[in-house]
Amino acid sequence: MKKIILTMLIAGSTLLVADGAAAYAKCVGCHGVNGEKVALGKSAIIAGQDAATTVEQLNAYKAGTLNQHGMGALMKGQVASMDDTAIKAVADYIAEMK
């Protein structure tokens, strides 16, 4: 039974990372493959950023209440189609970047 539960947890974690990578694909153009770029010469480097911070920021961009570096409208458009699950997955994916 322990092996089954452990296998399910590992599989779920792997799927979440895969979903995070898929959700992050639209971010690559500005933030870089590994989150290493200063997006459009304005943003902070996001690689390794705390997942909770990323979730908070993406939700604020989505709500239209955050406009860091004048990027509010652009980011709002980027996250508009992301649901809570996608936001969490991409935040976890960014947190794991080195």
N, C-alpha and C. Protein backbone atom coordinates (compact mmCIF):
# COMPACT_ATOMS: atom_id res chain seq x y z
N MET A 1 0.82 -1.19 0.00
CA MET A 1 0.00 0.00 0.00
C MET A 1 0.87 1.27 0.00
N LYS A 2 1.94 1.25 0.79
CA LYS A 2 2.83 2.41 0.84
C LYS A 2 3.45 2.69 -0.52
N LYS A 3 3.80 1.62 -1.25
CA LYS A 3 4.40 1.78 -2.57
C LYS A 3 3.41 2.41 -3.54
N ILE A 4 2.16 2.03 -3.45
CA ILE A 4 1.13 2.59 -4.33
C ILE A 4 0.95 4.08 -4.07
N ILE A 5 0.87 4.45 -2.81
CA ILE A 5 0.70 5.86 -2.44
C ILE A 5 1.91 6.67 -2.88
N LEU A 6 3.11 6.14 -2.63
CA LEU A 6 4.33 6.82 -3.03
C LEU A 6 4.39 7.00 -4.54
N THR A 7 4.03 5.97 -5.27
CA THR A 7 4.01 6.04 -6.74
C THR A 7 3.03 7.10 -7.22
N MET A 8 1.86 7.16 -6.59
CA MET A 8 0.86 8.16 -6.98
C MET A 8 1.36 9.57 -6.69
N LEU A 9 2.03 9.75 -5.56
CA LEU A 9 2.57 11.07 -5.23
C LEU A 9 3.64 11.50 -6.22
N ILE A 10 4.52 10.60 -6.56
CA ILE A 10 5.59 10.91 -7.53
C ILE A 10 4.99 11.20 -8.89
N ALA A 11 4.05 10.40 -9.32
CA ALA A 11 3.40 10.63 -10.62
C ALA A 11 2.69 11.97 -10.63
N GLY A 12 2.01 12.31 -9.55
CA GLY A 12 1.33 13.60 -9.47
C GLY A 12 2.30 14.76 -9.53
N SER A 13 3.43 14.63 -8.84
CA SER A 13 4.45 15.67 -8.87
C SER A 13 5.02 15.84 -10.27
N THR A 14 5.26 14.73 -10.95
CA THR A 14 5.79 14.78 -12.30
C THR A 14 4.81 15.44 -13.25
N LEU A 15 3.53 15.13 -13.12
CA LEU A 15 2.52 15.76 -13.97
C LEU A 15 2.43 17.25 -13.70
N LEU A 16 2.54 17.65 -12.43
CA LEU A 16 2.48 19.06 -12.09
C LEU A 16 3.65 19.81 -12.72
N VAL A 17 4.85 19.23 -12.68
CA VAL A 17 6.01 19.86 -13.31
C VAL A 17 5.79 19.95 -14.82
N ALA A 18 5.27 18.90 -15.42
CA ALA A 18 5.01 18.93 -16.86
C ALA A 18 3.98 20.00 -17.18
N ASP A 19 2.93 20.12 -16.38
CA ASP A 19 1.93 21.15 -16.59
C ASP A 19 2.54 22.54 -16.40
N GLY A 20 3.43 22.67 -15.42
CA GLY A 20 4.10 23.94 -15.19
C GLY A 20 4.97 24.33 -16.37
N ALA A 21 5.67 23.35 -16.93
CA ALA A 21 6.50 23.61 -18.11
C ALA A 21 5.64 24.02 -19.29
N ALA A 22 4.53 23.36 -19.46
CA ALA A 22 3.62 23.71 -20.56
C ALA A 22 3.05 25.11 -20.37
N ALA A 23 2.64 25.42 -19.15
CA ALA A 23 2.10 26.76 -18.87
C ALA A 23 3.17 27.83 -19.02
N TYR A 24 4.41 27.50 -18.69
CA TYR A 24 5.51 28.45 -18.78
C TYR A 24 5.93 28.73 -20.22
N ALA A 25 5.55 27.88 -21.15
CA ALA A 25 5.96 28.04 -22.55
C ALA A 25 5.65 29.42 -23.09
N LYS A 26 4.55 30.02 -22.68
CA LYS A 26 4.20 31.35 -23.18
C LYS A 26 5.03 32.45 -22.52
N CYS A 27 5.79 32.12 -21.50
CA CYS A 27 6.61 33.09 -20.77
C CYS A 27 8.04 33.19 -21.32
N VAL A 28 8.43 32.17 -22.07
CA VAL A 28 9.82 32.03 -22.53
C VAL A 28 10.30 33.22 -23.34
N GLY A 29 9.44 33.77 -24.18
CA GLY A 29 9.85 34.87 -25.06
C GLY A 29 10.40 36.07 -24.31
N CYS A 30 9.83 36.36 -23.16
CA CYS A 30 10.27 37.52 -22.38
C CYS A 30 11.20 37.14 -21.22
N HIS A 31 10.87 36.05 -20.51
CA HIS A 31 11.61 35.68 -19.31
C HIS A 31 12.74 34.69 -19.56
N GLY A 32 12.82 34.11 -20.76
CA GLY A 32 13.88 33.16 -21.08
C GLY A 32 13.50 31.74 -20.70
N VAL A 33 14.18 30.79 -21.30
CA VAL A 33 13.90 29.37 -21.10
C VAL A 33 14.01 29.00 -19.63
N ASN A 34 14.96 29.58 -18.94
CA ASN A 34 15.19 29.25 -17.53
C ASN A 34 14.87 30.40 -16.59
N GLY A 35 14.03 31.33 -17.04
CA GLY A 35 13.66 32.46 -16.19
C GLY A 35 14.82 33.39 -15.90
N GLU A 36 15.83 33.35 -16.79
CA GLU A 36 17.08 34.08 -16.54
C GLU A 36 17.12 35.49 -17.11
N LYS A 37 16.11 35.88 -17.87
CA LYS A 37 16.13 37.19 -18.53
C LYS A 37 15.38 38.26 -17.74
N VAL A 38 15.85 39.48 -17.89
CA VAL A 38 15.12 40.64 -17.40
C VAL A 38 14.11 40.95 -18.50
N ALA A 39 12.86 40.58 -18.29
CA ALA A 39 11.83 40.67 -19.34
C ALA A 39 11.68 42.09 -19.85
N LEU A 40 11.86 42.23 -21.15
CA LEU A 40 11.75 43.52 -21.84
C LEU A 40 12.60 44.60 -21.17
N GLY A 41 13.69 44.17 -20.53
CA GLY A 41 14.60 45.10 -19.87
C GLY A 41 14.02 45.75 -18.64
N LYS A 42 12.91 45.20 -18.11
CA LYS A 42 12.22 45.86 -17.00
C LYS A 42 12.06 45.01 -15.75
N SER A 43 11.76 43.73 -15.90
CA SER A 43 11.39 42.92 -14.73
C SER A 43 12.61 42.38 -14.00
N ALA A 44 12.34 41.84 -12.83
CA ALA A 44 13.37 41.11 -12.10
C ALA A 44 13.53 39.74 -12.76
N ILE A 45 14.65 39.11 -12.55
CA ILE A 45 14.85 37.73 -12.99
C ILE A 45 13.98 36.85 -12.10
N ILE A 46 13.18 35.97 -12.72
CA ILE A 46 12.22 35.19 -11.95
C ILE A 46 12.72 33.80 -11.57
N ALA A 47 13.81 33.33 -12.14
CA ALA A 47 14.33 31.99 -11.84
C ALA A 47 14.51 31.82 -10.33
N GLY A 48 13.91 30.76 -9.78
CA GLY A 48 14.06 30.46 -8.37
C GLY A 48 13.18 31.29 -7.44
N GLN A 49 12.35 32.14 -8.00
CA GLN A 49 11.47 32.97 -7.16
C GLN A 49 10.53 32.08 -6.36
N ASP A 50 10.29 32.43 -5.13
CA ASP A 50 9.40 31.70 -4.24
C ASP A 50 8.03 31.50 -4.91
N ALA A 51 7.52 30.27 -4.88
CA ALA A 51 6.25 29.95 -5.55
C ALA A 51 5.09 30.78 -5.01
N ALA A 52 5.05 30.99 -3.70
CA ALA A 52 3.94 31.76 -3.12
C ALA A 52 3.96 33.20 -3.63
N THR A 53 5.14 33.77 -3.78
CA THR A 53 5.27 35.12 -4.32
C THR A 53 4.79 35.17 -5.76
N THR A 54 5.17 34.17 -6.55
CA THR A 54 4.75 34.12 -7.95
C THR A 54 3.24 33.98 -8.06
N VAL A 55 2.65 33.11 -7.25
CA VAL A 55 1.18 32.94 -7.26
C VAL A 55 0.51 34.27 -6.93
N GLU A 56 1.00 34.93 -5.90
CA GLU A 56 0.43 36.22 -5.48
C GLU A 56 0.53 37.25 -6.61
N GLN A 57 1.69 37.34 -7.24
CA GLN A 57 1.88 38.31 -8.31
C GLN A 57 1.03 37.98 -9.53
N LEU A 58 1.01 36.71 -9.94
CA LEU A 58 0.22 36.35 -11.12
C LEU A 58 -1.27 36.59 -10.89
N ASN A 59 -1.75 36.28 -9.69
CA ASN A 59 -3.16 36.56 -9.38
C ASN A 59 -3.45 38.06 -9.40
N ALA A 60 -2.50 38.85 -8.91
CA ALA A 60 -2.68 40.30 -8.92
C ALA A 60 -2.65 40.85 -10.35
N TYR A 61 -1.75 40.33 -11.17
CA TYR A 61 -1.75 40.73 -12.58
C TYR A 61 -3.08 40.37 -13.23
N LYS A 62 -3.55 39.17 -12.96
CA LYS A 62 -4.81 38.69 -13.54
C LYS A 62 -5.98 39.58 -13.12
N ALA A 63 -5.97 40.01 -11.88
CA ALA A 63 -7.04 40.88 -11.36
C ALA A 63 -6.88 42.33 -11.82
N GLY A 64 -5.72 42.65 -12.36
CA GLY A 64 -5.46 44.02 -12.81
C GLY A 64 -5.06 44.96 -11.69
N THR A 65 -4.60 44.40 -10.57
CA THR A 65 -4.23 45.21 -9.42
C THR A 65 -2.72 45.38 -9.25
N LEU A 66 -1.94 44.79 -10.14
CA LEU A 66 -0.48 44.91 -10.07
C LEU A 66 0.03 45.46 -11.40
N ASN A 67 0.93 46.43 -11.30
CA ASN A 67 1.50 47.04 -12.50
C ASN A 67 2.99 47.29 -12.28
N GLN A 68 3.71 46.22 -11.92
CA GLN A 68 5.15 46.37 -11.69
C GLN A 68 5.86 46.74 -12.99
N HIS A 69 6.71 47.74 -12.90
CA HIS A 69 7.53 48.17 -14.03
C HIS A 69 6.69 48.54 -15.26
N GLY A 70 5.44 48.93 -15.05
CA GLY A 70 4.56 49.28 -16.16
C GLY A 70 4.11 48.11 -17.01
N MET A 71 4.23 46.91 -16.47
CA MET A 71 3.93 45.70 -17.23
C MET A 71 2.55 45.11 -16.90
N GLY A 72 1.73 45.83 -16.16
CA GLY A 72 0.44 45.31 -15.72
C GLY A 72 -0.47 44.85 -16.84
N ALA A 73 -0.66 45.69 -17.85
CA ALA A 73 -1.57 45.33 -18.95
C ALA A 73 -1.05 44.14 -19.74
N LEU A 74 0.23 44.12 -20.02
CA LEU A 74 0.82 43.01 -20.77
C LEU A 74 0.69 41.71 -19.99
N MET A 75 1.02 41.75 -18.71
CA MET A 75 0.95 40.54 -17.88
C MET A 75 -0.49 40.10 -17.66
N LYS A 76 -1.39 41.05 -17.55
CA LYS A 76 -2.81 40.68 -17.39
C LYS A 76 -3.27 39.85 -18.58
N GLY A 77 -2.86 40.24 -19.77
CA GLY A 77 -3.19 39.48 -20.96
C GLY A 77 -2.56 38.10 -20.97
N GLN A 78 -1.35 38.01 -20.44
CA GLN A 78 -0.63 36.73 -20.42
C GLN A 78 -1.28 35.72 -19.46
N VAL A 79 -1.79 36.20 -18.34
CA VAL A 79 -2.33 35.28 -17.34
C VAL A 79 -3.85 35.17 -17.38
N ALA A 80 -4.50 35.92 -18.24
CA ALA A 80 -5.96 35.94 -18.29
C ALA A 80 -6.58 34.56 -18.46
N SER A 81 -5.95 33.71 -19.25
CA SER A 81 -6.52 32.39 -19.52
C SER A 81 -6.05 31.31 -18.54
N MET A 82 -5.21 31.69 -17.58
CA MET A 82 -4.68 30.70 -16.62
C MET A 82 -5.63 30.56 -15.44
N ASP A 83 -5.98 29.31 -15.11
CA ASP A 83 -6.79 29.09 -13.91
C ASP A 83 -5.85 28.91 -12.71
N ASP A 84 -6.43 28.71 -11.53
CA ASP A 84 -5.62 28.59 -10.31
C ASP A 84 -4.62 27.43 -10.39
N THR A 85 -5.03 26.34 -11.00
CA THR A 85 -4.15 25.17 -11.12
C THR A 85 -2.95 25.49 -11.99
N ALA A 86 -3.17 26.16 -13.11
CA ALA A 86 -2.07 26.52 -14.02
C ALA A 86 -1.15 27.53 -13.35
N ILE A 87 -1.71 28.48 -12.63
CA ILE A 87 -0.89 29.48 -11.94
C ILE A 87 0.00 28.80 -10.90
N LYS A 88 -0.57 27.89 -10.13
CA LYS A 88 0.22 27.16 -9.12
C LYS A 88 1.30 26.31 -9.79
N ALA A 89 0.95 25.64 -10.88
CA ALA A 89 1.91 24.79 -11.58
C ALA A 89 3.07 25.62 -12.13
N VAL A 90 2.79 26.74 -12.76
CA VAL A 90 3.87 27.56 -13.32
C VAL A 90 4.69 28.18 -12.20
N ALA A 91 4.06 28.55 -11.09
CA ALA A 91 4.81 29.11 -9.95
C ALA A 91 5.77 28.07 -9.37
N ASP A 92 5.30 26.84 -9.24
CA ASP A 92 6.18 25.77 -8.74
C ASP A 92 7.32 25.50 -9.72
N TYR A 93 7.01 25.55 -11.01
CA TYR A 93 8.02 25.33 -12.04
C TYR A 93 9.09 26.43 -11.98
N ILE A 94 8.70 27.66 -11.84
CA ILE A 94 9.63 28.80 -11.75
C ILE A 94 10.50 28.66 -10.49
N ALA A 95 9.89 28.25 -9.39
CA ALA A 95 10.63 28.11 -8.13
C ALA A 95 11.75 27.08 -8.24
N GLU A 96 11.56 26.08 -9.10
CA GLU A 96 12.57 25.03 -9.27
C GLU A 96 13.69 25.41 -10.24
N MET A 97 13.54 26.52 -10.94
CA MET A 97 14.56 26.95 -11.91
C MET A 97 15.83 27.37 -11.18
N LYS A 98 16.93 27.11 -11.81
CA LYS A 98 18.24 27.50 -11.23
C LYS A 98 18.91 28.50 -12.13
